[in-house]
Amino acid sequence: MWSPHRVRYWGEPNDCTRPTRAPPAPPDLLLPACRCLRRPASITRLMPPRHILFVNARNVTQPVFVIGAPHSGAESVGRALKISPGFHVTIGQQVVLQAVYGFARRPSLYSGRGGAAAAVMRDAFAQGWQIGPTSCIECTPQCRSAAGLRDAEVGPCAEQRGLSRFGDASPDLTYCAEALVAAFPDALIVQVVRDGRDSVAAMLTDQVAMSWFRPSVVNIETEFPNPFYGVEDESDRRQWPTLSDAGKCAMRWRGAIRIAARLRRALPGDQLKTLRYEDVARNPGTAAAMLSEFTGTKVAAPVTPSTKRARLEQNAWRRTLTYGQLADVEKVAGEELRRLGYK
């Protein structure tokens, strides 16, 4: 449960301790979205952090965030971090998802309000990372399952003794990467890349992923460009209504890949690690070694649904996607697939 007395900030010039209760969203973040005809902003290198965040009496330094397109395998890496000694990693905390989807679906909220947006993000994660007797009650099934909690167990899923690192692997983190890096300039980012055709095949069977395509939910007319849907220019916006479900999934995957490319250009190598899902599935031990070296902490081997049958599951999309769906994916994301070596 959220305990406001556990979160404090230091570091503002000539300030005193800020209020310990999480502040409400700034008024300007509650304004209706406005149309913003601009190309996606590039992710720029930020100055060192001015804030020091304490959660559970620990100084939050170099939090680890796992990002990727939907069904890219980011959750599998997040699960490995979650069970690693010294880590407290959350997956889909409700307060975090509210902030993530707020900025991911309405990027105009972040534009020109970097400081306020960063504060909102920090406060959301500070609440999500709290550890207490009832802190896991409202966790998502994915987070509870990753911690090994049974349905009747209350938690918590982590112990404060030995706790030294924090992280998050919530869905769709990649679509608010700019706000995330602004909130935590010293963050370590692990991005997971998977064959877009496998990602699309998995999205098509996921009711939650498909619910974002309902006409009442899609907001590409009021938010443009719209990285959440992969709509970057006018041609994408005109094309969107004509796309099949597979084509729309492919556009979301393509958008995540382009965000990953911008992150790669903006962040130094010691702050960003890219893993291929296929490599993680084939050799989880090597992936664990790479993650351990990157984070400076021993990390457990990631377990993917296809770890034990990696060869059999390679190119699984061939058995699930129709020729028409493959043509739609190729039309939208063929260039990115080839650039990443997926043939």
Protein backbone atom coordinates (compact mmCIF):
# COMPACT_ATOMS: atom_id res chain seq x y z
CA MET A 1 0.00 0.00 0.00
CA TRP A 2 1.18 3.49 -0.77
CA SER A 3 2.89 5.05 2.23
CA PRO A 4 3.58 8.73 1.53
CA HIS A 5 6.07 9.13 4.35
CA ARG A 6 8.51 6.78 2.60
CA VAL A 7 9.18 8.94 -0.44
CA ARG A 8 11.34 12.07 -0.23
CA TYR A 9 13.21 14.20 -2.73
CA TRP A 10 16.41 16.16 -2.37
CA GLY A 11 18.46 18.10 -4.85
CA GLU A 12 16.44 21.14 -5.94
CA PRO A 13 18.53 24.30 -5.68
CA ASN A 14 17.75 26.27 -2.52
CA ASP A 15 14.80 24.10 -1.61
CA CYS A 16 13.63 22.23 1.41
CA THR A 17 12.18 18.75 1.52
CA ARG A 18 9.27 18.50 -0.86
CA PRO A 19 5.87 17.30 0.38
CA THR A 20 6.00 13.58 0.95
CA ARG A 21 2.53 12.88 -0.42
CA ALA A 22 2.44 12.22 -4.16
CA PRO A 23 1.22 15.49 -5.72
CA PRO A 24 -1.73 15.51 -8.10
CA ALA A 25 -1.07 15.79 -11.80
CA PRO A 26 -0.18 19.38 -12.76
CA PRO A 27 -3.21 21.31 -14.04
CA ASP A 28 -1.79 21.60 -17.54
CA LEU A 29 -1.59 17.80 -17.76
CA LEU A 30 -5.35 17.65 -17.39
CA LEU A 31 -6.14 19.86 -20.37
CA PRO A 32 -7.73 18.29 -23.46
CA ALA A 33 -5.28 17.01 -26.01
CA CYS A 34 -4.50 19.37 -28.83
CA ARG A 35 -3.56 18.57 -32.36
CA CYS A 36 0.16 18.81 -32.79
CA LEU A 37 1.35 18.55 -36.37
CA ARG A 38 4.97 17.71 -35.88
CA ARG A 39 7.33 14.84 -36.47
CA PRO A 40 8.31 12.69 -33.47
CA ALA A 41 10.78 14.52 -31.29
CA SER A 42 14.24 13.02 -31.17
CA ILE A 43 15.37 11.60 -27.85
CA THR A 44 18.18 13.83 -26.67
CA ARG A 45 20.95 13.16 -24.17
CA LEU A 46 19.96 14.64 -20.84
CA MET A 47 21.90 16.35 -18.09
CA PRO A 48 22.78 14.32 -14.97
CA PRO A 49 19.85 13.89 -12.57
CA ARG A 50 19.10 16.70 -10.11
CA HIS A 51 16.76 14.61 -8.00
CA ILE A 52 17.58 11.95 -5.46
CA LEU A 53 14.66 9.59 -4.93
CA PHE A 54 14.36 7.49 -1.79
CA VAL A 55 11.92 4.55 -1.72
CA ASN A 56 11.74 2.04 1.13
CA ALA A 57 14.63 3.95 2.72
CA ARG A 58 16.79 3.19 -0.33
CA ASN A 59 18.30 5.63 -2.76
CA VAL A 60 17.01 4.77 -6.23
CA THR A 61 20.00 4.79 -8.56
CA GLN A 62 20.24 3.35 -12.05
CA PRO A 63 16.80 1.74 -12.11
CA VAL A 64 16.49 -0.90 -14.82
CA PHE A 65 13.62 -0.61 -17.30
CA VAL A 66 12.81 -3.36 -19.79
CA ILE A 67 11.11 -2.14 -22.95
CA GLY A 68 10.02 -3.54 -26.28
CA ALA A 69 7.15 -3.81 -28.71
CA PRO A 70 4.07 -5.72 -27.54
CA HIS A 71 4.85 -9.43 -27.16
CA SER A 72 8.54 -8.86 -27.82
CA GLY A 73 9.66 -10.84 -24.78
CA ALA A 74 10.27 -7.88 -22.47
CA GLU A 75 8.16 -9.49 -19.76
CA SER A 76 10.38 -12.60 -19.76
CA VAL A 77 13.45 -10.45 -19.12
CA GLY A 78 11.55 -8.53 -16.45
CA ARG A 79 10.67 -11.80 -14.72
CA ALA A 80 14.33 -12.78 -14.67
CA LEU A 81 15.28 -9.49 -13.05
CA LYS A 82 12.42 -9.78 -10.56
CA ILE A 83 13.70 -13.05 -9.10
CA SER A 84 17.33 -11.90 -9.06
CA PRO A 85 18.89 -11.12 -5.65
CA GLY A 86 18.71 -7.48 -4.62
CA PHE A 87 16.15 -6.49 -7.29
CA HIS A 88 12.61 -5.24 -6.85
CA VAL A 89 11.04 -5.18 -10.31
CA THR A 90 7.37 -4.42 -10.93
CA ILE A 91 5.30 -5.51 -13.92
CA GLY A 92 2.09 -3.62 -14.62
CA GLN A 93 1.49 -1.79 -11.36
CA GLN A 94 -1.78 0.12 -11.78
CA VAL A 95 -0.36 3.50 -10.73
CA VAL A 96 2.54 3.02 -13.16
CA LEU A 97 0.27 2.02 -16.03
CA GLN A 98 -1.82 5.15 -15.52
CA ALA A 99 1.26 7.33 -16.00
CA VAL A 100 2.68 5.20 -18.82
CA TYR A 101 -0.48 5.19 -20.91
CA GLY A 102 -1.15 8.83 -20.10
CA PHE A 103 2.09 9.91 -21.76
CA ALA A 104 2.28 7.11 -24.34
CA ARG A 105 -1.18 7.77 -25.75
CA ARG A 106 -1.04 11.55 -25.41
CA PRO A 107 2.53 12.66 -26.20
CA SER A 108 1.34 16.27 -26.35
CA LEU A 109 1.11 16.14 -22.54
CA TYR A 110 4.88 15.77 -22.42
CA SER A 111 5.75 18.32 -25.08
CA GLY A 112 6.94 21.52 -23.40
CA ARG A 113 6.26 20.16 -19.92
CA GLY A 114 9.32 17.97 -19.42
CA GLY A 115 9.90 18.88 -15.77
CA ALA A 116 6.32 18.36 -14.68
CA ALA A 117 6.00 15.15 -16.69
CA ALA A 118 9.21 13.78 -15.18
CA ALA A 119 7.89 14.48 -11.68
CA VAL A 120 4.66 12.62 -12.46
CA MET A 121 6.62 9.62 -13.74
CA ARG A 122 8.91 9.55 -10.70
CA ASP A 123 5.98 9.74 -8.31
CA ALA A 124 4.20 6.89 -10.11
CA PHE A 125 7.19 4.58 -9.88
CA ALA A 126 7.87 5.62 -6.28
CA GLN A 127 4.37 4.44 -5.39
CA GLY A 128 4.69 1.26 -7.46
CA TRP A 129 7.99 0.29 -5.80
CA GLN A 130 6.66 0.47 -2.23
CA ILE A 131 7.11 -2.75 -0.22
CA GLY A 132 4.67 -3.47 2.57
CA PRO A 133 2.46 -6.22 4.00
CA THR A 134 -0.34 -5.46 1.52
CA SER A 135 1.62 -3.94 -1.35
CA CYS A 136 1.02 -6.93 -3.66
CA ILE A 137 -2.75 -7.20 -3.21
CA GLU A 138 -3.54 -5.02 -6.24
CA CYS A 139 -0.65 -6.23 -8.38
CA THR A 140 -1.37 -7.63 -11.81
CA PRO A 141 -1.48 -11.42 -12.27
CA GLN A 142 1.72 -11.18 -14.36
CA CYS A 143 3.61 -9.48 -11.54
CA ARG A 144 2.32 -11.87 -8.87
CA SER A 145 3.07 -14.88 -11.06
CA ALA A 146 6.60 -13.65 -11.72
CA ALA A 147 7.15 -13.39 -7.96
CA GLY A 148 5.83 -16.92 -7.39
CA LEU A 149 2.86 -15.76 -5.28
CA ARG A 150 -0.16 -18.04 -5.14
CA ASP A 151 -3.68 -16.65 -5.47
CA ALA A 152 -4.29 -16.73 -1.72
CA GLU A 153 -0.94 -15.17 -0.79
CA VAL A 154 -0.87 -11.51 0.20
CA GLY A 155 2.84 -10.89 -0.23
CA PRO A 156 5.00 -8.90 -0.27
CA CYS A 157 6.89 -10.26 -3.25
CA ALA A 158 10.25 -8.79 -2.19
CA GLU A 159 12.18 -8.35 1.03
CA GLN A 160 13.71 -5.08 2.11
CA ARG A 161 16.74 -6.87 3.49
CA GLY A 162 19.35 -6.88 0.75
CA LEU A 163 17.27 -4.68 -1.54
CA SER A 164 19.51 -2.44 -3.63
CA ARG A 165 18.03 -2.10 -7.14
CA PHE A 166 14.68 -1.16 -8.63
CA GLY A 167 13.20 -1.74 -12.05
CA ASP A 168 10.07 -2.12 -14.12
CA ALA A 169 8.94 -4.17 -17.10
CA SER A 170 5.39 -2.93 -17.55
CA PRO A 171 3.73 -3.30 -20.96
CA ASP A 172 4.18 -0.50 -23.49
CA LEU A 173 6.93 1.32 -21.56
CA THR A 174 8.70 1.81 -24.88
CA TYR A 175 6.04 4.23 -26.10
CA CYS A 176 6.88 6.77 -23.38
CA ALA A 177 10.65 6.28 -23.52
CA GLU A 178 11.38 9.99 -23.76
CA ALA A 179 9.44 10.79 -20.58
CA LEU A 180 10.99 7.77 -18.86
CA VAL A 181 14.57 8.82 -19.59
CA ALA A 182 13.77 12.40 -18.59
CA ALA A 183 12.45 11.20 -15.24
CA PHE A 184 15.43 8.89 -14.62
CA PRO A 185 18.44 10.17 -16.59
CA ASP A 186 20.71 7.53 -15.02
CA ALA A 187 18.35 4.66 -15.90
CA LEU A 188 19.61 1.47 -17.51
CA ILE A 189 17.43 0.48 -20.46
CA VAL A 190 17.13 -3.10 -21.68
CA GLN A 191 15.27 -3.26 -24.97
CA VAL A 192 14.10 -6.58 -26.36
CA VAL A 193 13.67 -7.00 -30.12
CA ARG A 194 11.69 -9.83 -31.70
CA ASP A 195 10.73 -10.80 -35.23
CA GLY A 196 7.81 -8.51 -35.98
CA ARG A 197 5.82 -11.32 -37.55
CA ASP A 198 5.92 -13.32 -34.31
CA SER A 199 4.95 -10.21 -32.35
CA VAL A 200 2.03 -9.55 -34.69
CA ALA A 201 0.87 -13.18 -34.45
CA ALA A 202 0.87 -12.95 -30.65
CA MET A 203 -0.90 -9.58 -30.62
CA LEU A 204 -3.70 -10.92 -32.81
CA THR A 205 -4.57 -13.47 -30.10
CA ASP A 206 -4.32 -10.97 -27.22
CA GLN A 207 -7.65 -9.34 -26.37
CA VAL A 208 -5.99 -6.53 -24.43
CA ALA A 209 -3.62 -5.68 -27.29
CA MET A 210 -6.47 -5.74 -29.80
CA SER A 211 -8.70 -3.55 -27.61
CA TRP A 212 -6.45 -0.57 -28.41
CA PHE A 213 -7.74 -0.69 -31.98
CA ARG A 214 -11.38 -0.06 -31.13
CA PRO A 215 -12.63 3.09 -32.93
CA SER A 216 -13.64 4.63 -29.60
CA VAL A 217 -10.08 4.21 -28.29
CA VAL A 218 -7.90 5.15 -31.28
CA ASN A 219 -6.86 8.79 -31.01
CA ILE A 220 -4.67 9.40 -34.06
CA GLU A 221 -6.82 12.35 -35.12
CA THR A 222 -6.36 14.26 -31.85
CA GLU A 223 -2.78 13.12 -31.19
CA PHE A 224 -0.54 13.36 -34.22
CA PRO A 225 2.13 12.12 -34.60
CA ASN A 226 1.12 9.17 -32.44
CA PRO A 227 4.03 6.86 -31.49
CA PHE A 228 1.69 4.55 -29.56
CA TYR A 229 0.08 3.49 -32.84
CA GLY A 230 3.22 3.98 -34.92
CA VAL A 231 1.59 6.81 -36.89
CA GLU A 232 4.42 9.21 -37.71
CA ASP A 233 3.36 11.19 -40.77
CA GLU A 234 0.34 12.11 -42.86
CA SER A 235 0.70 9.08 -45.11
CA ASP A 236 0.56 6.79 -42.05
CA ARG A 237 -2.58 8.55 -40.83
CA ARG A 238 -4.28 8.19 -44.21
CA GLN A 239 -3.25 4.54 -44.38
CA TRP A 240 -4.45 3.61 -40.90
CA PRO A 241 -8.22 3.23 -41.65
CA THR A 242 -7.44 0.92 -44.57
CA LEU A 243 -5.22 -1.45 -42.60
CA SER A 244 -6.26 -4.89 -41.41
CA ASP A 245 -5.73 -5.86 -37.77
CA ALA A 246 -2.43 -7.46 -38.76
CA GLY A 247 -1.35 -4.25 -40.50
CA LYS A 248 -2.20 -2.16 -37.44
CA CYS A 249 -0.26 -4.53 -35.19
CA ALA A 250 2.67 -4.28 -37.60
CA MET A 251 2.53 -0.48 -37.44
CA ARG A 252 2.73 -0.59 -33.63
CA TRP A 253 5.69 -2.97 -33.85
CA ARG A 254 7.38 -0.72 -36.43
CA GLY A 255 6.84 2.31 -34.19
CA ALA A 256 8.50 0.55 -31.26
CA ILE A 257 11.47 -0.42 -33.43
CA ARG A 258 11.94 3.17 -34.59
CA ILE A 259 11.81 4.39 -30.98
CA ALA A 260 14.47 1.81 -30.15
CA ALA A 261 16.65 3.13 -32.96
CA ARG A 262 16.35 6.69 -31.66
CA LEU A 263 17.25 5.50 -28.17
CA ARG A 264 20.31 3.73 -29.56
CA ARG A 265 21.52 6.95 -31.15
CA ALA A 266 20.81 9.07 -28.07
CA LEU A 267 22.09 6.95 -25.19
CA PRO A 268 25.64 5.70 -24.53
CA GLY A 269 26.38 2.00 -24.78
CA ASP A 270 26.74 1.58 -21.02
CA GLN A 271 23.17 2.79 -20.52
CA LEU A 272 21.37 0.74 -23.17
CA LYS A 273 21.46 -3.00 -23.88
CA THR A 274 19.62 -4.62 -26.79
CA LEU A 275 18.66 -8.30 -26.67
CA ARG A 276 17.06 -10.39 -29.39
CA TYR A 277 14.22 -12.55 -28.15
CA GLU A 278 15.35 -15.41 -30.36
CA ASP A 279 18.82 -15.37 -28.79
CA VAL A 280 17.34 -15.25 -25.28
CA ALA A 281 15.15 -18.27 -26.06
CA ARG A 282 18.01 -20.28 -27.56
CA ASN A 283 20.61 -19.46 -24.93
CA PRO A 284 19.17 -17.99 -21.71
CA GLY A 285 22.48 -18.50 -19.89
CA THR A 286 24.29 -16.15 -22.27
CA ALA A 287 21.49 -13.61 -21.91
CA ALA A 288 21.81 -13.80 -18.12
CA ALA A 289 25.55 -13.18 -18.35
CA MET A 290 25.00 -10.16 -20.59
CA LEU A 291 22.38 -8.75 -18.23
CA SER A 292 24.61 -9.34 -15.21
CA GLU A 293 27.49 -7.49 -16.83
CA PHE A 294 25.21 -4.66 -17.93
CA THR A 295 23.50 -4.13 -14.57
CA GLY A 296 26.48 -4.96 -12.36
CA THR A 297 24.31 -7.45 -10.45
CA LYS A 298 23.90 -11.19 -10.88
CA VAL A 299 20.76 -11.82 -12.92
CA ALA A 300 18.82 -15.07 -13.29
CA ALA A 301 18.44 -16.67 -16.71
CA PRO A 302 15.31 -15.48 -18.54
CA VAL A 303 12.73 -18.18 -19.22
CA THR A 304 10.61 -17.71 -22.33
CA PRO A 305 7.66 -19.87 -23.43
CA SER A 306 9.90 -21.23 -26.16
CA THR A 307 13.10 -21.75 -24.17
CA LYS A 308 12.78 -25.55 -24.25
CA ARG A 309 11.73 -25.66 -27.89
CA ALA A 310 13.61 -22.75 -29.40
CA ARG A 311 14.32 -24.47 -32.70
CA LEU A 312 10.76 -25.65 -33.09
CA GLU A 313 9.35 -22.21 -32.31
CA GLN A 314 11.65 -20.30 -34.64
CA ASN A 315 9.53 -18.63 -37.31
CA ALA A 316 6.34 -19.78 -35.57
CA TRP A 317 4.50 -17.08 -37.50
CA ARG A 318 4.64 -19.34 -40.57
CA ARG A 319 2.02 -21.59 -38.94
CA THR A 320 -0.26 -18.86 -37.61
CA LEU A 321 -0.36 -15.96 -40.09
CA THR A 322 -2.24 -16.20 -43.36
CA TYR A 323 -0.74 -15.11 -46.66
CA GLY A 324 -2.91 -12.01 -46.55
CA GLN A 325 -1.75 -11.11 -43.05
CA LEU A 326 1.88 -11.63 -44.03
CA ALA A 327 1.39 -9.34 -47.02
CA ASP A 328 -0.03 -6.65 -44.73
CA VAL A 329 2.90 -6.97 -42.33
CA GLU A 330 5.36 -6.76 -45.21
CA LYS A 331 3.63 -3.68 -46.61
CA VAL A 332 3.86 -1.82 -43.31
CA ALA A 333 7.05 -3.09 -41.68
CA GLY A 334 9.03 -4.92 -44.34
CA GLU A 335 11.85 -2.39 -44.34
CA GLU A 336 12.36 -2.66 -40.57
CA LEU A 337 12.20 -6.46 -40.68
CA ARG A 338 14.98 -6.62 -43.28
CA ARG A 339 17.05 -3.98 -41.50
CA LEU A 340 17.00 -6.15 -38.37
CA GLY A 341 17.93 -9.25 -40.33
CA TYR A 342 14.55 -10.98 -40.28
CA LYS A 343 13.93 -12.56 -43.68
